Amino acid sequence: MDKRELIAFLKGRWGATAFFNLSFLSVLITYLVIRNNAACILLLEQPAVPFILLGGLVALFLTSYASYARIFKFKVFLLGHLVLAIGLFYFIFAYWVFPHPDAAYSPGFVSLIKEEMLLRLLVLVMTFNLLLVALSPEKLRYRMTRFIALLVMLMEPILIFVLLANASSAAAERSIFLSGLGYLGAVTLLNAGAVVLTLILSPHDNSFGGTLAGLAFINALLAYCIETNHLVAVEFIFLLLPFILLGAIVFYWFHCLHFRVSYDPLLQIYNRDYAHAIIGGTSRMNLGKPYTVVMVDIDHFKKVNDTYGHQMGDKVLHGTAQAIRQQAMPVGLTCRYGGEEIIIFFRNTSRDHAFVRCEEIRRNIRKIKYETENKPLSVSVSMGLCECDDPDVPVERVVAAADEAVYRAKETGRNKVVVGALQKRISDPLRKTYLAMRSLGLERRRPNR
């Protein structure tokens, strides 16, 4: 993976945006709490705080429970239930058990340990939860999903209770993994492992990999705050954690929605609707000046379908699309335009630079071999490109010129790149004025072409 592929990978579906947002938010909360420690202590003592935490946990449970029936991601479902279990355990012990150690419902070991030990164990268990979520499958049968998530959610408080009871012994308090640099190092290394697992197992999961990595960063930050005795910051983050994860899940939903609306599920590139959004100017994408549009058509694709079947045709389409996408990055955006046609928008790219890139794409596609029953299959592509350096020229005219160039490539032997010519019109400089007038309702007639 070269530099441009790495940047596109991190900025794309892994979720670098989610990772940096969660990391920045947790650092900002920690900084503000440390700077305003006395005010935050008074705030945490307010009677409404436990109900705020409980409300966040209920909202998190409902959101994660409703998510699987809509986006079919077991990882999200499981993560919500695990955080809910930890949150409920923290809610019970922090607001009921530790403030009233002599109550009938309080276990006998509560008076032997400090609340700090509870925070240490919860952070450690959350770290193992992230590893479990990272290793879990993306999809399961619906009934199995509910059974496993509820089972884990019920077993988690029992596990924490047993660990907390054992932590009351003097040997546990002297354990290298429950205090000092040993604890901080163990938590940091385990969370780093969770981040690596997201990069390996969730590279294209609509920002969920970045979300898990962000939660791993929060865990490491909590461990650091515990070791530096900033317990108020830890309690504040525990209070806000359900809302932080709730926001991350909603962000993930939007990414899934964007993917389903804008991506082709077979080719794993942008779809025709997104291409038309760019052509029509409704997309936020800025093509720059100059830009080049490239139309790509797979040669004799109907013959591939008729000879080897539609499954092989799908493999050829996917392999060709991925080869184009990888070679076109980072300045080129690849979309499916229809059937076996693919369109590339090269931003801020001249015709000469685009031509060199297209030749590389064409040669690489020719080298791809697809295994069949008889002999390996390879395909070729015909490509047509057209440059535009005038923002007043409609993009659809540039696309039409590139499409005409593709037909000329097919008529003259296929497996080649042909440069198309954009014929400018007298009305082009007046287009911007016309569009402005039409938006104000001053002109309803189409301009003369």
Protein backbone atom coordinates (compact mmCIF):
# COMPACT_ATOMS: atom_id res chain seq x y z
CA MET A 1 0.00 0.00 0.00
CA ASP A 2 1.58 3.27 -1.10
CA LYS A 3 1.15 6.68 0.53
CA ARG A 4 -1.90 7.76 -1.47
CA GLU A 5 -3.70 4.47 -0.81
CA LEU A 6 -2.91 4.75 2.92
CA ILE A 7 -4.31 8.30 3.09
CA ALA A 8 -7.43 7.31 1.19
CA PHE A 9 -7.86 4.25 3.43
CA LEU A 10 -7.58 6.22 6.68
CA LYS A 11 -9.79 9.06 5.46
CA GLY A 12 -12.27 6.65 3.93
CA ARG A 13 -14.27 3.83 5.43
CA TRP A 14 -11.92 2.93 8.32
CA GLY A 15 -12.96 6.11 10.11
CA ALA A 16 -10.02 8.42 10.80
CA THR A 17 -12.53 11.23 11.33
CA ALA A 18 -14.32 9.27 14.07
CA PHE A 19 -11.00 8.40 15.70
CA PHE A 20 -9.73 11.98 15.81
CA ASN A 21 -13.11 13.32 16.95
CA LEU A 22 -13.33 10.89 19.87
CA SER A 23 -9.69 11.44 20.81
CA PHE A 24 -9.95 15.23 20.67
CA LEU A 25 -13.23 15.23 22.62
CA SER A 26 -11.83 13.04 25.41
CA VAL A 27 -8.66 15.14 25.71
CA LEU A 28 -10.72 18.34 25.75
CA ILE A 29 -13.03 17.02 28.50
CA THR A 30 -10.04 15.87 30.57
CA TYR A 31 -8.29 19.23 30.20
CA LEU A 32 -11.38 21.23 31.14
CA VAL A 33 -12.11 19.04 34.18
CA ILE A 34 -8.53 19.29 35.45
CA ARG A 35 -8.52 23.06 35.00
CA ASN A 36 -11.89 23.38 36.80
CA ASN A 37 -11.52 20.58 39.30
CA ALA A 38 -13.43 22.20 42.20
CA ALA A 39 -16.41 23.19 40.04
CA CYS A 40 -16.57 19.70 38.53
CA ILE A 41 -16.60 18.11 42.00
CA LEU A 42 -19.61 20.23 42.92
CA LEU A 43 -21.27 19.32 39.65
CA LEU A 44 -20.79 15.58 40.21
CA GLU A 45 -22.41 15.91 43.65
CA GLN A 46 -25.67 17.20 42.18
CA PRO A 47 -28.63 14.81 42.76
CA ALA A 48 -29.56 14.82 39.08
CA VAL A 49 -26.20 13.39 37.91
CA PRO A 50 -27.09 9.68 38.50
CA PHE A 51 -30.30 10.10 36.53
CA ILE A 52 -28.38 11.72 33.67
CA LEU A 53 -26.07 8.69 33.55
CA LEU A 54 -29.03 6.31 33.71
CA GLY A 55 -30.82 8.19 30.94
CA GLY A 56 -27.72 7.98 28.74
CA LEU A 57 -27.46 4.23 29.36
CA VAL A 58 -31.12 3.68 28.45
CA ALA A 59 -30.72 5.73 25.26
CA LEU A 60 -27.57 3.76 24.38
CA PHE A 61 -29.35 0.45 24.90
CA LEU A 62 -32.32 1.44 22.73
CA THR A 63 -30.05 2.77 19.98
CA SER A 64 -27.77 -0.27 19.88
CA TYR A 65 -30.75 -2.65 20.08
CA ALA A 66 -32.51 -0.90 17.20
CA SER A 67 -29.35 -0.67 15.10
CA TYR A 68 -29.00 -4.34 14.19
CA ALA A 69 -32.41 -4.57 12.50
CA ARG A 70 -31.43 -1.61 10.30
CA ILE A 71 -27.70 -1.86 9.58
CA PHE A 72 -27.09 -5.56 10.44
CA LYS A 73 -23.80 -5.01 12.29
CA PHE A 74 -23.25 -7.39 15.20
CA LYS A 75 -20.19 -5.42 16.34
CA VAL A 76 -22.30 -2.31 17.02
CA PHE A 77 -24.96 -4.38 18.78
CA LEU A 78 -22.38 -6.09 21.00
CA LEU A 79 -20.46 -2.90 21.80
CA GLY A 80 -23.61 -1.13 22.96
CA HIS A 81 -24.54 -4.01 25.29
CA LEU A 82 -21.03 -4.28 26.77
CA VAL A 83 -20.78 -0.56 27.50
CA LEU A 84 -24.29 -0.72 28.95
CA ALA A 85 -23.22 -3.50 31.34
CA ILE A 86 -20.17 -1.55 32.51
CA GLY A 87 -22.22 1.64 32.85
CA LEU A 88 -24.90 -0.06 34.96
CA PHE A 89 -22.27 -1.64 37.21
CA TYR A 90 -20.59 1.75 37.67
CA PHE A 91 -23.97 3.38 38.33
CA ILE A 92 -24.87 0.86 41.06
CA PHE A 93 -21.53 0.85 42.85
CA ALA A 94 -20.60 4.53 42.47
CA TYR A 95 -23.99 5.95 43.52
CA TRP A 96 -25.44 3.23 45.77
CA VAL A 97 -22.84 0.82 47.14
CA PHE A 98 -19.75 2.93 47.88
CA PRO A 99 -21.69 5.87 49.43
CA HIS A 100 -23.50 3.39 51.75
CA PRO A 101 -21.04 0.58 52.62
CA ASP A 102 -23.07 -0.43 55.70
CA ALA A 103 -26.34 -0.88 53.82
CA ALA A 104 -27.93 -4.31 53.63
CA TYR A 105 -27.42 -4.53 49.86
CA SER A 106 -23.69 -3.65 50.04
CA PRO A 107 -21.27 -6.60 49.89
CA GLY A 108 -18.84 -7.00 52.78
CA PHE A 109 -15.68 -6.36 50.76
CA VAL A 110 -16.70 -2.78 49.86
CA SER A 111 -15.25 -1.36 53.04
CA LEU A 112 -11.88 -3.00 52.24
CA ILE A 113 -11.28 -1.36 48.84
CA LYS A 114 -11.21 2.12 47.45
CA GLU A 115 -13.39 3.46 44.65
CA GLU A 116 -10.21 3.93 42.65
CA MET A 117 -9.90 0.15 42.37
CA LEU A 118 -13.38 0.00 40.83
CA LEU A 119 -12.31 2.50 38.17
CA ARG A 120 -9.13 0.53 37.46
CA LEU A 121 -11.05 -2.71 36.95
CA LEU A 122 -13.72 -1.09 34.79
CA VAL A 123 -11.10 0.42 32.48
CA LEU A 124 -9.34 -2.94 32.26
CA VAL A 125 -12.58 -4.78 31.48
CA MET A 126 -13.52 -2.15 28.86
CA THR A 127 -10.18 -2.79 27.19
CA PHE A 128 -10.89 -6.51 26.93
CA ASN A 129 -14.37 -5.63 25.64
CA LEU A 130 -12.86 -3.68 22.75
CA LEU A 131 -10.65 -6.65 21.89
CA LEU A 132 -13.73 -8.89 21.97
CA VAL A 133 -15.70 -6.55 19.71
CA ALA A 134 -12.79 -6.20 17.28
CA LEU A 135 -12.50 -10.01 17.01
CA SER A 136 -16.25 -10.64 16.74
CA PRO A 137 -17.92 -11.29 13.35
CA GLU A 138 -19.70 -8.48 11.57
CA LYS A 139 -22.94 -10.40 11.04
CA LEU A 140 -24.83 -13.21 12.75
CA ARG A 141 -28.34 -14.56 12.61
CA TYR A 142 -30.73 -12.22 14.35
CA ARG A 143 -31.78 -14.66 17.11
CA MET A 144 -28.17 -15.65 17.74
CA THR A 145 -27.19 -11.98 17.88
CA ARG A 146 -29.70 -11.18 20.62
CA PHE A 147 -28.84 -14.30 22.61
CA ILE A 148 -25.06 -13.71 22.57
CA ALA A 149 -25.31 -9.98 23.32
CA LEU A 150 -27.70 -10.50 26.26
CA LEU A 151 -25.62 -13.40 27.59
CA VAL A 152 -22.44 -11.34 27.52
CA MET A 153 -24.21 -8.36 29.06
CA LEU A 154 -25.43 -10.51 31.96
CA MET A 155 -22.08 -12.23 32.49
CA GLU A 156 -20.06 -9.01 32.44
CA PRO A 157 -21.33 -7.63 35.80
CA ILE A 158 -20.72 -11.04 37.41
CA LEU A 159 -17.14 -11.01 36.11
CA ILE A 160 -16.52 -7.47 37.41
CA PHE A 161 -18.07 -8.38 40.77
CA VAL A 162 -15.73 -11.37 41.13
CA LEU A 163 -12.70 -9.28 40.15
CA LEU A 164 -13.69 -6.56 42.57
CA ALA A 165 -14.10 -9.07 45.41
CA ASN A 166 -10.66 -10.55 44.72
CA ALA A 167 -9.16 -7.05 44.48
CA SER A 168 -9.92 -6.49 48.16
CA SER A 169 -7.02 -8.72 49.17
CA ALA A 170 -3.62 -7.23 49.97
CA ALA A 171 -1.94 -9.35 47.28
CA ALA A 172 -4.23 -7.91 44.59
CA GLU A 173 -3.40 -4.33 45.58
CA ARG A 174 0.30 -5.13 45.23
CA SER A 175 -0.23 -6.74 41.82
CA ILE A 176 1.92 -5.18 39.12
CA PHE A 177 -1.02 -5.23 36.67
CA LEU A 178 -3.42 -3.35 38.96
CA SER A 179 -1.25 -0.41 39.98
CA GLY A 180 1.63 1.74 38.85
CA LEU A 181 3.37 1.63 35.50
CA GLY A 182 2.54 -2.04 35.08
CA TYR A 183 -1.19 -1.26 34.99
CA LEU A 184 -0.74 1.73 32.68
CA GLY A 185 1.52 -0.23 30.34
CA ALA A 186 -0.82 -3.23 30.21
CA VAL A 187 -3.87 -1.10 29.42
CA THR A 188 -1.97 0.90 26.78
CA LEU A 189 -0.60 -2.19 25.04
CA LEU A 190 -3.97 -3.95 25.03
CA ASN A 191 -5.69 -0.91 23.58
CA ALA A 192 -2.95 -0.55 20.98
CA GLY A 193 -3.66 -4.16 20.05
CA ALA A 194 -7.35 -3.32 19.66
CA VAL A 195 -6.41 -0.47 17.29
CA VAL A 196 -4.26 -2.83 15.20
CA LEU A 197 -7.13 -5.32 15.04
CA THR A 198 -9.46 -2.62 13.72
CA LEU A 199 -6.96 -1.83 10.96
CA ILE A 200 -6.76 -5.51 10.02
CA LEU A 201 -10.33 -6.72 10.56
CA SER A 202 -12.42 -3.56 10.01
CA PRO A 203 -10.64 -1.67 7.22
CA HIS A 204 -13.79 -0.84 5.25
CA ASP A 205 -16.56 -0.73 7.86
CA ASN A 206 -18.00 2.78 7.53
CA SER A 207 -15.93 4.45 10.29
CA PHE A 208 -16.53 1.71 12.87
CA GLY A 209 -12.83 0.84 12.96
CA GLY A 210 -12.04 4.45 13.80
CA THR A 211 -14.77 4.45 16.45
CA LEU A 212 -13.24 1.43 18.20
CA ALA A 213 -9.79 3.01 17.95
CA GLY A 214 -11.17 6.21 19.50
CA LEU A 215 -12.65 4.25 22.40
CA ALA A 216 -9.29 2.51 22.85
CA PHE A 217 -7.64 5.93 23.09
CA ILE A 218 -10.21 6.94 25.73
CA ASN A 219 -9.38 3.80 27.73
CA ALA A 220 -5.66 4.59 27.67
CA LEU A 221 -6.42 8.18 28.69
CA LEU A 222 -8.55 6.96 31.61
CA ALA A 223 -5.72 4.70 32.79
CA TYR A 224 -3.32 7.65 32.66
CA CYS A 225 -5.73 9.84 34.65
CA ILE A 226 -6.09 7.13 37.29
CA GLU A 227 -2.33 6.82 37.67
CA THR A 228 -1.91 10.62 37.91
CA ASN A 229 -4.72 10.78 40.49
CA HIS A 230 -7.12 12.83 38.31
CA LEU A 231 -10.10 10.75 39.43
CA VAL A 232 -12.62 13.55 38.89
CA ALA A 233 -11.77 13.53 35.18
CA VAL A 234 -12.24 9.75 35.13
CA GLU A 235 -15.66 10.01 36.79
CA PHE A 236 -16.68 12.76 34.37
CA ILE A 237 -15.73 10.68 31.33
CA PHE A 238 -17.62 7.68 32.76
CA LEU A 239 -20.64 9.95 33.13
CA LEU A 240 -20.40 11.14 29.51
CA LEU A 241 -19.30 7.82 27.97
CA PRO A 242 -22.85 6.61 27.07
CA PHE A 243 -23.52 9.90 25.28
CA ILE A 244 -20.14 9.80 23.51
CA LEU A 245 -20.80 6.27 22.26
CA LEU A 246 -24.37 7.22 21.33
CA GLY A 247 -23.02 10.03 19.15
CA ALA A 248 -20.48 7.66 17.61
CA ILE A 249 -23.22 5.16 16.71
CA VAL A 250 -25.33 7.90 15.10
CA PHE A 251 -22.23 9.04 13.18
CA TYR A 252 -21.77 5.42 12.08
CA TRP A 253 -25.40 5.31 10.93
CA PHE A 254 -24.86 8.35 8.73
CA HIS A 255 -21.78 6.72 7.23
CA CYS A 256 -23.76 3.56 6.49
CA LEU A 257 -26.52 5.65 4.92
CA HIS A 258 -24.00 7.54 2.81
CA PHE A 259 -22.42 4.27 1.70
CA ARG A 260 -25.73 2.70 0.72
CA VAL A 261 -26.81 5.80 -1.18
CA SER A 262 -23.49 6.60 -2.87
CA TYR A 263 -21.65 3.29 -3.38
CA ASP A 264 -22.12 0.40 -5.77
CA PRO A 265 -22.25 -2.78 -3.64
CA LEU A 266 -20.75 -4.99 -6.35
CA LEU A 267 -17.89 -2.84 -7.62
CA GLN A 268 -17.13 -1.09 -4.29
CA ILE A 269 -16.85 2.30 -5.96
CA TYR A 270 -19.20 5.28 -6.17
CA ASN A 271 -22.43 4.60 -8.05
CA ARG A 272 -24.26 6.29 -10.91
CA ASP A 273 -26.28 8.55 -8.62
CA TYR A 274 -23.11 9.99 -7.11
CA ALA A 275 -21.64 10.50 -10.58
CA HIS A 276 -24.76 12.42 -11.63
CA ALA A 277 -24.53 14.48 -8.42
CA ILE A 278 -21.03 15.55 -9.48
CA ILE A 279 -22.16 16.23 -13.03
CA GLY A 280 -25.20 18.19 -11.89
CA GLY A 281 -23.24 20.20 -9.34
CA THR A 282 -25.23 18.98 -6.31
CA SER A 283 -22.20 17.20 -4.83
CA ARG A 284 -19.81 19.14 -2.61
CA MET A 285 -16.90 17.86 -4.69
CA ASN A 286 -14.87 20.63 -6.35
CA LEU A 287 -13.39 19.50 -9.64
CA GLY A 288 -10.93 22.39 -9.75
CA LYS A 289 -9.33 23.96 -12.79
CA PRO A 290 -8.45 22.26 -15.04
CA TYR A 291 -10.13 18.92 -14.56
CA THR A 292 -10.34 15.86 -16.78
CA VAL A 293 -13.19 13.40 -17.22
CA VAL A 294 -12.39 9.85 -18.33
CA MET A 295 -14.90 7.31 -19.59
CA VAL A 296 -13.89 3.63 -19.41
CA ASP A 297 -15.62 0.76 -21.22
CA ILE A 298 -14.68 -2.92 -20.90
CA ASP A 299 -14.08 -4.42 -24.34
CA HIS A 300 -16.30 -7.34 -25.39
CA PHE A 301 -17.87 -7.59 -21.94
CA LYS A 302 -21.07 -9.15 -23.30
CA LYS A 303 -18.96 -11.96 -24.74
CA VAL A 304 -17.45 -12.57 -21.29
CA ASN A 305 -20.93 -12.90 -19.78
CA ASP A 306 -22.18 -15.17 -22.57
CA THR A 307 -19.09 -17.41 -22.54
CA TYR A 308 -18.17 -17.65 -18.85
CA GLY A 309 -21.40 -16.71 -17.08
CA HIS A 310 -22.56 -13.75 -15.04
CA GLN A 311 -20.54 -14.72 -11.96
CA MET A 312 -17.33 -14.40 -13.93
CA GLY A 313 -18.68 -11.18 -15.40
CA ASP A 314 -19.17 -9.83 -11.88
CA LYS A 315 -15.57 -10.78 -11.00
CA VAL A 316 -14.28 -8.98 -14.09
CA LEU A 317 -16.33 -5.89 -13.27
CA HIS A 318 -15.13 -5.83 -9.66
CA GLY A 319 -11.49 -6.48 -10.53
CA THR A 320 -11.48 -3.81 -13.23
CA ALA A 321 -13.20 -1.25 -11.01
CA GLN A 322 -10.77 -1.83 -8.14
CA ALA A 323 -7.76 -1.58 -10.44
CA ILE A 324 -9.06 1.73 -11.78
CA ARG A 325 -9.86 3.06 -8.30
CA GLN A 326 -6.43 2.23 -6.90
CA GLN A 327 -4.57 3.74 -9.85
CA ALA A 328 -6.76 6.85 -10.00
CA MET A 329 -6.29 7.82 -6.32
CA PRO A 330 -5.89 10.31 -4.77
CA VAL A 331 -6.87 12.94 -7.37
CA GLY A 332 -9.19 10.69 -9.33
CA LEU A 333 -12.67 9.74 -8.12
CA THR A 334 -14.10 6.58 -9.69
CA CYS A 335 -17.84 5.96 -10.25
CA ARG A 336 -19.91 3.35 -11.99
CA TYR A 337 -21.70 5.05 -14.86
CA GLY A 338 -23.76 2.15 -16.13
CA GLY A 339 -23.39 -1.50 -17.16
CA GLU A 340 -19.69 -2.00 -17.82
CA GLU A 341 -18.99 1.73 -18.09
CA ILE A 342 -16.92 3.51 -15.44
CA ILE A 343 -16.26 7.22 -15.18
CA ILE A 344 -13.27 8.91 -13.51
CA PHE A 345 -13.17 12.55 -12.42
CA PHE A 346 -9.57 13.77 -12.20
CA ARG A 347 -9.57 16.91 -10.05
CA ASN A 348 -7.07 19.67 -10.81
CA THR A 349 -5.51 17.46 -13.48
CA SER A 350 -4.52 18.42 -17.00
CA ARG A 351 -5.16 16.30 -20.06
CA ASP A 352 -1.51 15.24 -20.37
CA HIS A 353 -1.24 14.03 -16.76
CA ALA A 354 -4.57 12.24 -17.03
CA PHE A 355 -3.45 10.55 -20.25
CA VAL A 356 -0.34 9.15 -18.56
CA ARG A 357 -2.44 7.86 -15.65
CA CYS A 358 -4.96 6.29 -18.06
CA GLU A 359 -2.20 4.47 -19.92
CA GLU A 360 -1.01 3.00 -16.62
CA ILE A 361 -4.56 1.92 -15.79
CA ARG A 362 -5.06 0.35 -19.22
CA ARG A 363 -1.82 -1.66 -19.02
CA ASN A 364 -2.48 -2.85 -15.47
CA ILE A 365 -6.01 -4.02 -16.33
CA ARG A 366 -4.61 -6.01 -19.23
CA LYS A 367 -2.23 -7.81 -16.82
CA ILE A 368 -5.03 -9.03 -14.50
CA LYS A 369 -5.78 -12.75 -14.91
CA TYR A 370 -9.10 -14.34 -13.98
CA GLU A 371 -9.08 -18.10 -13.48
CA THR A 372 -11.54 -20.11 -15.59
CA GLU A 373 -12.02 -23.82 -16.27
CA ASN A 374 -9.92 -23.76 -19.45
CA LYS A 375 -7.37 -20.94 -19.41
CA PRO A 376 -6.87 -17.65 -17.58
CA LEU A 377 -9.04 -14.80 -18.82
CA SER A 378 -7.86 -11.23 -19.30
CA VAL A 379 -9.78 -8.23 -20.56
CA SER A 380 -8.93 -4.87 -22.03
CA VAL A 381 -10.57 -1.47 -21.77
CA SER A 382 -11.18 1.42 -24.12
CA MET A 383 -10.83 4.86 -22.58
CA GLY A 384 -11.80 8.34 -23.68
CA LEU A 385 -10.86 11.52 -21.87
CA CYS A 386 -11.63 15.18 -22.15
CA GLU A 387 -10.13 18.18 -20.34
CA CYS A 388 -11.98 21.31 -19.26
CA ASP A 389 -10.46 24.51 -17.91
CA ASP A 390 -13.57 26.68 -18.13
CA PRO A 391 -15.89 26.56 -15.08
CA ASP A 392 -18.75 27.97 -17.16
CA VAL A 393 -18.86 24.87 -19.36
CA PRO A 394 -21.38 22.31 -18.02
CA VAL A 395 -19.81 19.09 -16.81
CA GLU A 396 -22.29 17.06 -18.84
CA ARG A 397 -20.73 18.47 -22.03
CA VAL A 398 -17.31 17.29 -20.87
CA VAL A 399 -18.73 13.85 -20.11
CA ALA A 400 -20.35 13.70 -23.55
CA ALA A 401 -17.03 14.57 -25.21
CA ALA A 402 -15.26 11.84 -23.22
CA ASP A 403 -18.01 9.38 -24.18
CA GLU A 404 -17.54 10.21 -27.87
CA ALA A 405 -13.82 9.56 -27.45
CA VAL A 406 -14.59 6.09 -26.06
CA TYR A 407 -16.61 5.25 -29.15
CA ARG A 408 -13.75 6.39 -31.36
CA ALA A 409 -11.41 4.14 -29.36
CA LYS A 410 -13.72 1.17 -29.96
CA GLU A 411 -14.11 1.94 -33.65
CA THR A 412 -10.34 2.16 -34.16
CA GLY A 413 -9.28 -1.12 -32.58
CA ARG A 414 -10.14 -0.98 -28.82
CA ASN A 415 -7.65 -1.32 -25.92
CA LYS A 416 -6.47 2.28 -26.24
CA VAL A 417 -6.85 5.77 -24.82
CA VAL A 418 -8.33 8.46 -27.05
CA VAL A 419 -8.35 12.18 -26.25
CA GLY A 420 -11.61 13.96 -26.99
CA ALA A 421 -12.08 17.59 -27.94
CA LEU A 422 -14.47 19.91 -26.15
CA GLN A 423 -16.25 22.23 -28.56
CA LYS A 424 -16.88 25.53 -26.84
CA ARG A 425 -20.01 27.52 -27.64
CA ILE A 426 -20.80 31.18 -27.73
CA SER A 427 -23.35 30.77 -24.94
CA ASP A 428 -20.83 29.35 -22.42
CA PRO A 429 -19.74 32.72 -20.91
CA LEU A 430 -23.42 33.63 -20.46
CA ARG A 431 -24.34 30.42 -18.62
CA LYS A 432 -23.45 31.71 -15.16
CA THR A 433 -25.58 34.83 -15.68
CA TYR A 434 -28.45 32.75 -16.97
CA LEU A 435 -28.36 30.38 -14.01
CA ALA A 436 -28.33 33.29 -11.58
CA MET A 437 -31.34 34.86 -13.33
CA ARG A 438 -33.20 31.56 -13.40
CA SER A 439 -32.66 31.05 -9.65
CA LEU A 440 -34.31 34.45 -9.09
CA GLY A 441 -37.22 33.57 -11.35
CA LEU A 442 -36.34 36.27 -13.88
CA GLU A 443 -35.84 33.96 -16.83
CA ARG A 444 -37.76 30.78 -17.58
CA ARG A 445 -36.58 30.16 -21.11
CA ARG A 446 -33.64 27.96 -21.92
CA PRO A 447 -30.72 29.79 -23.55
CA ASN A 448 -30.00 29.30 -27.23
CA ARG A 449 -27.38 26.62 -27.69
